[in-house]
Amino acid sequence: MKILCDRMLLGLGHWLRVAGYDTHWAEADWPDREVVALAVREDRILLTCDQEIHDHRAAAGRRVVLSSNALEDCAVELGRHADIEIDWLFAPLSRCLKCNVVLVEGGPEHFDELPSGLVGFVTRVEFCGGCRRVYWAGSHADHMLERLRELERLCARGRSERLRGS
């Protein structure tokens, strides 16, 4: 599943990328027609808070209009939508948070890019072939995984509400 978030949902887009989804976001100055055109061209689901996008014929069947841009509310609301299934633990920390490229296991040369205090403690690094960033599993990764688990619980709550019909 490929996703495009409008600028109002930049935070949601960031966390969907953390969860492993191929996620892009629209630039702030793009008119609605350009946002919709990109979603169509790249076959992306468009997540938006913009009610006017609802009226774009080209967006039909590929847009989900959310009522809030608060991350926790979005997670619950996404759980309520039957036409999009988000698994917040899909492929955590598998994409570059900067450029969206899938990470690959780094080689010995990538260890040279670690902060000096981590040398000898980190045994595995991942590398982005797009922007050349190096990633490692530190406490920041633990915090991000816990946040994803929290978002999954909220999304599950939305799914339960949908299934109960409330």
Foldseek 3Di string as FASTA:
>chain_A
DEAEEEPLQVVLQLLLLQLPHQYYYDDPPDDLVVSLVVCLVVVHQYEYCDPVNVPDPSNPPRYDHAPDNPNLSVLLVQLLDPSDDDQSNNPGPQADSPPGAGKDKDDPVVLVVDDPVCVPPFDTWIAGPPPGDIGTDDVVSVVSVVVSVVSNVSSVNSNVCNVVVD
